[in-house]
Structure formats: C-alpha cells, structure tokens
Amino acid sequence: MAMQKRRIDRAQRFRARRVWWERHGAFARGLLTGTLVTLLAVWIAKMAAATF
C-alpha cells in the first residue's frame, strides 16, 4: 500500500518537474548559458591580462 503511494508520488513529482521545465525551461537554459558565457569571458580576460 505504502509502496504504491510512493510510486504515485514519484510519478506526480516527475510530471510536475516536466511541466515546470516546459514552462520555464527556456528561461532556465538561457540563464545557465548566460552565466557560463560570462564566467568564460571573465576567465579569458584574466588569462589575457596575465599573459600581456
């Protein structure tokens, strides 16, 4: 009985996450990409500053 309920809970949580991802996925991906690009740019600038 308890196992059945837990399995349903897990399925609902997974479905909720997928719905959230479909709604906010583009924003989250854009934010992540922007953060990575910014970090990369800062790192390259630091390397360039250290080299020259």
PDB file of N, CA and C in Angstrom:
ATOM      1  N   MET A   1       0.845  -1.211   0.000  1.00  0.00           N
ATOM      2  CA  MET A   1       0.000   0.000   0.000  1.00  0.00           C
ATOM      3  C   MET A   1       0.874   1.254   0.000  1.00  0.00           C
ATOM      4  N   ALA A   2       1.834   1.289   0.944  1.00  0.00           N
ATOM      5  CA  ALA A   2       2.706   2.455   1.046  1.00  0.00           C
ATOM      6  C   ALA A   2       3.586   2.591  -0.199  1.00  0.00           C
ATOM      7  N   MET A   3       4.079   1.445  -0.703  1.00  0.00           N
ATOM      8  CA  MET A   3       4.922   1.464  -1.904  1.00  0.00           C
ATOM      9  C   MET A   3       4.152   2.039  -3.088  1.00  0.00           C
ATOM     10  N   GLN A   4       2.888   1.619  -3.203  1.00  0.00           N
ATOM     11  CA  GLN A   4       2.055   2.101  -4.301  1.00  0.00           C
ATOM     12  C   GLN A   4       1.938   3.625  -4.245  1.00  0.00           C
ATOM     13  N   LYS A   5       1.675   4.135  -3.038  1.00  0.00           N
ATOM     14  CA  LYS A   5       1.514   5.577  -2.862  1.00  0.00           C
ATOM     15  C   LYS A   5       2.809   6.311  -3.223  1.00  0.00           C
ATOM     16  N   ARG A   6       3.942   5.753  -2.782  1.00  0.00           N
ATOM     17  CA  ARG A   6       5.223   6.397  -3.056  1.00  0.00           C
ATOM     18  C   ARG A   6       5.492   6.463  -4.555  1.00  0.00           C
ATOM     19  N   ARG A   7       5.142   5.356  -5.257  1.00  0.00           N
ATOM     20  CA  ARG A   7       5.360   5.327  -6.699  1.00  0.00           C
ATOM     21  C   ARG A   7       4.524   6.412  -7.390  1.00  0.00           C
ATOM     22  N   ILE A   8       3.279   6.577  -6.926  1.00  0.00           N
ATOM     23  CA  ILE A   8       2.404   7.607  -7.488  1.00  0.00           C
ATOM     24  C   ILE A   8       2.994   8.989  -7.212  1.00  0.00           C
ATOM     25  N   ASP A   9       3.475   9.188  -5.974  1.00  0.00           N
ATOM     26  CA  ASP A   9       4.081  10.470  -5.608  1.00  0.00           C
ATOM     27  C   ASP A   9       5.265  10.797  -6.515  1.00  0.00           C
ATOM     28  N   ARG A  10       6.099   9.773  -6.748  1.00  0.00           N
ATOM     29  CA  ARG A  10       7.281   9.981  -7.581  1.00  0.00           C
ATOM     30  C   ARG A  10       6.864  10.346  -9.000  1.00  0.00           C
ATOM     31  N   ALA A  11       5.854   9.655  -9.525  1.00  0.00           N
ATOM     32  CA  ALA A  11       5.359   9.937 -10.876  1.00  0.00           C
ATOM     33  C   ALA A  11       4.810  11.359 -10.959  1.00  0.00           C
ATOM     34  N   GLN A  12       4.066  11.764  -9.928  1.00  0.00           N
ATOM     35  CA  GLN A  12       3.499  13.118  -9.918  1.00  0.00           C
ATOM     36  C   GLN A  12       4.602  14.171  -9.846  1.00  0.00           C
ATOM     37  N   ARG A  13       5.622  13.899  -9.032  1.00  0.00           N
ATOM     38  CA  ARG A  13       6.733  14.842  -8.896  1.00  0.00           C
ATOM     39  C   ARG A  13       7.460  14.972 -10.225  1.00  0.00           C
ATOM     40  N   PHE A  14       7.675  13.825 -10.890  1.00  0.00           N
ATOM     41  CA  PHE A  14       8.355  13.827 -12.186  1.00  0.00           C
ATOM     42  C   PHE A  14       7.554  14.623 -13.207  1.00  0.00           C
ATOM     43  N   ARG A  15       6.210  14.385 -13.217  1.00  0.00           N
ATOM     44  CA  ARG A  15       5.349  15.090 -14.159  1.00  0.00           C
ATOM     45  C   ARG A  15       5.348  16.596 -13.874  1.00  0.00           C
ATOM     46  N   ALA A  16       5.319  16.957 -12.598  1.00  0.00           N
ATOM     47  CA  ALA A  16       5.333  18.366 -12.202  1.00  0.00           C
ATOM     48  C   ALA A  16       6.622  19.033 -12.654  1.00  0.00           C
ATOM     49  N   ARG A  17       7.747  18.307 -12.487  1.00  0.00           N
ATOM     50  CA  ARG A  17       9.039  18.842 -12.906  1.00  0.00           C
ATOM     51  C   ARG A  17       9.058  19.056 -14.418  1.00  0.00           C
ATOM     52  N   ARG A  18       8.480  18.090 -15.162  1.00  0.00           N
ATOM     53  CA  ARG A  18       8.457  18.213 -16.621  1.00  0.00           C
ATOM     54  C   ARG A  18       7.601  19.397 -17.057  1.00  0.00           C
ATOM     55  N   VAL A  19       6.468  19.596 -16.386  1.00  0.00           N
ATOM     56  CA  VAL A  19       5.602  20.738 -16.688  1.00  0.00           C
ATOM     57  C   VAL A  19       6.355  22.036 -16.391  1.00  0.00           C
ATOM     58  N   TRP A  20       7.036  22.080 -15.223  1.00  0.00           N
ATOM     59  CA  TRP A  20       7.812  23.269 -14.858  1.00  0.00           C
ATOM     60  C   TRP A  20       8.884  23.529 -15.906  1.00  0.00           C
ATOM     61  N   TRP A  21       9.570  22.462 -16.334  1.00  0.00           N
ATOM     62  CA  TRP A  21      10.641  22.601 -17.310  1.00  0.00           C
ATOM     63  C   TRP A  21      10.110  23.114 -18.635  1.00  0.00           C
ATOM     64  N   GLU A  22       8.918  22.616 -19.045  1.00  0.00           N
ATOM     65  CA  GLU A  22       8.317  23.072 -20.297  1.00  0.00           C
ATOM     66  C   GLU A  22       7.946  24.546 -20.210  1.00  0.00           C
ATOM     67  N   ARG A  23       7.528  24.998 -19.022  1.00  0.00           N
ATOM     68  CA  ARG A  23       7.135  26.402 -18.852  1.00  0.00           C
ATOM     69  C   ARG A  23       8.357  27.316 -18.717  1.00  0.00           C
ATOM     70  N   HIS A  24       9.336  26.890 -17.906  1.00  0.00           N
ATOM     71  CA  HIS A  24      10.466  27.761 -17.564  1.00  0.00           C
ATOM     72  C   HIS A  24      11.792  27.286 -18.148  1.00  0.00           C
ATOM     73  N   GLY A  25      11.766  26.232 -18.956  1.00  0.00           N
ATOM     74  CA  GLY A  25      12.993  25.633 -19.466  1.00  0.00           C
ATOM     75  C   GLY A  25      13.847  26.602 -20.260  1.00  0.00           C
ATOM     76  N   ALA A  26      13.196  27.367 -21.151  1.00  0.00           N
ATOM     77  CA  ALA A  26      13.934  28.315 -21.994  1.00  0.00           C
ATOM     78  C   ALA A  26      14.633  29.358 -21.127  1.00  0.00           C
ATOM     79  N   PHE A  27      13.906  29.877 -20.119  1.00  0.00           N
ATOM     80  CA  PHE A  27      14.485  30.881 -19.216  1.00  0.00           C
ATOM     81  C   PHE A  27      15.659  30.299 -18.435  1.00  0.00           C
ATOM     82  N   ALA A  28      15.443  29.085 -17.876  1.00  0.00           N
ATOM     83  CA  ALA A  28      16.489  28.447 -17.077  1.00  0.00           C
ATOM     84  C   ALA A  28      17.720  28.164 -17.933  1.00  0.00           C
ATOM     85  N   ARG A  29      17.492  27.665 -19.157  1.00  0.00           N
ATOM     86  CA  ARG A  29      18.605  27.356 -20.050  1.00  0.00           C
ATOM     87  C   ARG A  29      19.343  28.635 -20.451  1.00  0.00           C
ATOM     88  N   GLY A  30      18.592  29.688 -20.731  1.00  0.00           N
ATOM     89  CA  GLY A  30      19.198  30.965 -21.090  1.00  0.00           C
ATOM     90  C   GLY A  30      20.028  31.529 -19.952  1.00  0.00           C
ATOM     91  N   LEU A  31      19.483  31.423 -18.734  1.00  0.00           N
ATOM     92  CA  LEU A  31      20.205  31.908 -17.553  1.00  0.00           C
ATOM     93  C   LEU A  31      21.499  31.136 -17.367  1.00  0.00           C
ATOM     94  N   LEU A  32      21.407  29.804 -17.481  1.00  0.00           N
ATOM     95  CA  LEU A  32      22.585  28.944 -17.313  1.00  0.00           C
ATOM     96  C   LEU A  32      23.626  29.259 -18.380  1.00  0.00           C
ATOM     97  N   THR A  33      23.183  29.364 -19.629  1.00  0.00           N
ATOM     98  CA  THR A  33      24.101  29.668 -20.737  1.00  0.00           C
ATOM     99  C   THR A  33      24.757  31.032 -20.527  1.00  0.00           C
ATOM    100  N   GLY A  34      23.943  32.024 -20.138  1.00  0.00           N
ATOM    101  CA  GLY A  34      24.477  33.367 -19.886  1.00  0.00           C
ATOM    102  C   GLY A  34      25.526  33.358 -18.788  1.00  0.00           C
ATOM    103  N   THR A  35      25.268  32.613 -17.720  1.00  0.00           N
ATOM    104  CA  THR A  35      26.209  32.521 -16.605  1.00  0.00           C
ATOM    105  C   THR A  35      27.519  31.882 -17.063  1.00  0.00           C
ATOM    106  N   LEU A  36      27.412  30.779 -17.807  1.00  0.00           N
ATOM    107  CA  LEU A  36      28.610  30.088 -18.290  1.00  0.00           C
ATOM    108  C   LEU A  36      29.419  30.975 -19.230  1.00  0.00           C
ATOM    109  N   VAL A  37      28.736  31.660 -20.147  1.00  0.00           N
ATOM    110  CA  VAL A  37      29.426  32.541 -21.097  1.00  0.00           C
ATOM    111  C   VAL A  37      30.140  33.665 -20.350  1.00  0.00           C
ATOM    112  N   THR A  38      29.451  34.229 -19.334  1.00  0.00           N
ATOM    113  CA  THR A  38      30.054  35.308 -18.541  1.00  0.00           C
ATOM    114  C   THR A  38      31.306  34.813 -17.813  1.00  0.00           C
ATOM    115  N   LEU A  39      31.207  33.643 -17.169  1.00  0.00           N
ATOM    116  CA  LEU A  39      32.353  33.076 -16.459  1.00  0.00           C
ATOM    117  C   LEU A  39      33.512  32.820 -17.420  1.00  0.00           C
ATOM    118  N   LEU A  40      33.181  32.288 -18.595  1.00  0.00           N
ATOM    119  CA  LEU A  40      34.204  32.008 -19.604  1.00  0.00           C
ATOM    120  C   LEU A  40      34.881  33.305 -20.053  1.00  0.00           C
ATOM    121  N   ALA A  41      34.097  34.344 -20.287  1.00  0.00           N
ATOM    122  CA  ALA A  41      34.630  35.637 -20.713  1.00  0.00           C
ATOM    123  C   ALA A  41      35.553  36.226 -19.640  1.00  0.00           C
ATOM    124  N   VAL A  42      35.129  36.135 -18.380  1.00  0.00           N
ATOM    125  CA  VAL A  42      35.944  36.642 -17.271  1.00  0.00           C
ATOM    126  C   VAL A  42      37.254  35.876 -17.188  1.00  0.00           C
ATOM    127  N   TRP A  43      37.175  34.533 -17.329  1.00  0.00           N
ATOM    128  CA  TRP A  43      38.375  33.687 -17.263  1.00  0.00           C
ATOM    129  C   TRP A  43      39.340  34.033 -18.390  1.00  0.00           C
ATOM    130  N   ILE A  44      38.804  34.200 -19.613  1.00  0.00           N
ATOM    131  CA  ILE A  44      39.645  34.551 -20.768  1.00  0.00           C
ATOM    132  C   ILE A  44      40.297  35.916 -20.549  1.00  0.00           C
ATOM    133  N   ALA A  45      39.532  36.862 -20.017  1.00  0.00           N
ATOM    134  CA  ALA A  45      40.064  38.198 -19.745  1.00  0.00           C
ATOM    135  C   ALA A  45      41.195  38.114 -18.722  1.00  0.00           C
ATOM    136  N   LYS A  46      41.019  37.282 -17.696  1.00  0.00           N
ATOM    137  CA  LYS A  46      42.064  37.110 -16.679  1.00  0.00           C
ATOM    138  C   LYS A  46      43.311  36.503 -17.286  1.00  0.00           C
ATOM    139  N   MET A  47      43.149  35.495 -18.138  1.00  0.00           N
ATOM    140  CA  MET A  47      44.284  34.849 -18.792  1.00  0.00           C
ATOM    141  C   MET A  47      45.014  35.854 -19.684  1.00  0.00           C
ATOM    142  N   ALA A  48      44.241  36.621 -20.423  1.00  0.00           N
ATOM    143  CA  ALA A  48      44.822  37.633 -21.322  1.00  0.00           C
ATOM    144  C   ALA A  48      45.592  38.674 -20.515  1.00  0.00           C
ATOM    145  N   ALA A  49      45.025  39.112 -19.407  1.00  0.00           N
ATOM    146  CA  ALA A  49      45.657  40.115 -18.555  1.00  0.00           C
ATOM    147  C   ALA A  49      46.960  39.545 -17.963  1.00  0.00           C
ATOM    148  N   ALA A  50      46.953  38.262 -17.603  1.00  0.00           N
ATOM    149  CA  ALA A  50      48.121  37.635 -17.016  1.00  0.00           C
ATOM    150  C   ALA A  50      49.220  37.447 -18.068  1.00  0.00           C
ATOM    151  N   THR A  51      48.790  37.227 -19.341  1.00  0.00           N
ATOM    152  CA  THR A  51      49.765  36.970 -20.413  1.00  0.00           C
ATOM    153  C   THR A  51      50.440  38.253 -20.849  1.00  0.00           C
ATOM    154  N   PHE A  52      49.646  39.329 -21.029  1.00  0.00           N
ATOM    155  CA  PHE A  52      50.235  40.565 -21.574  1.00  0.00           C
ATOM    156  C   PHE A  52      50.597  41.543 -20.466  1.00  0.00           C
TER     157      PHE A  52
END
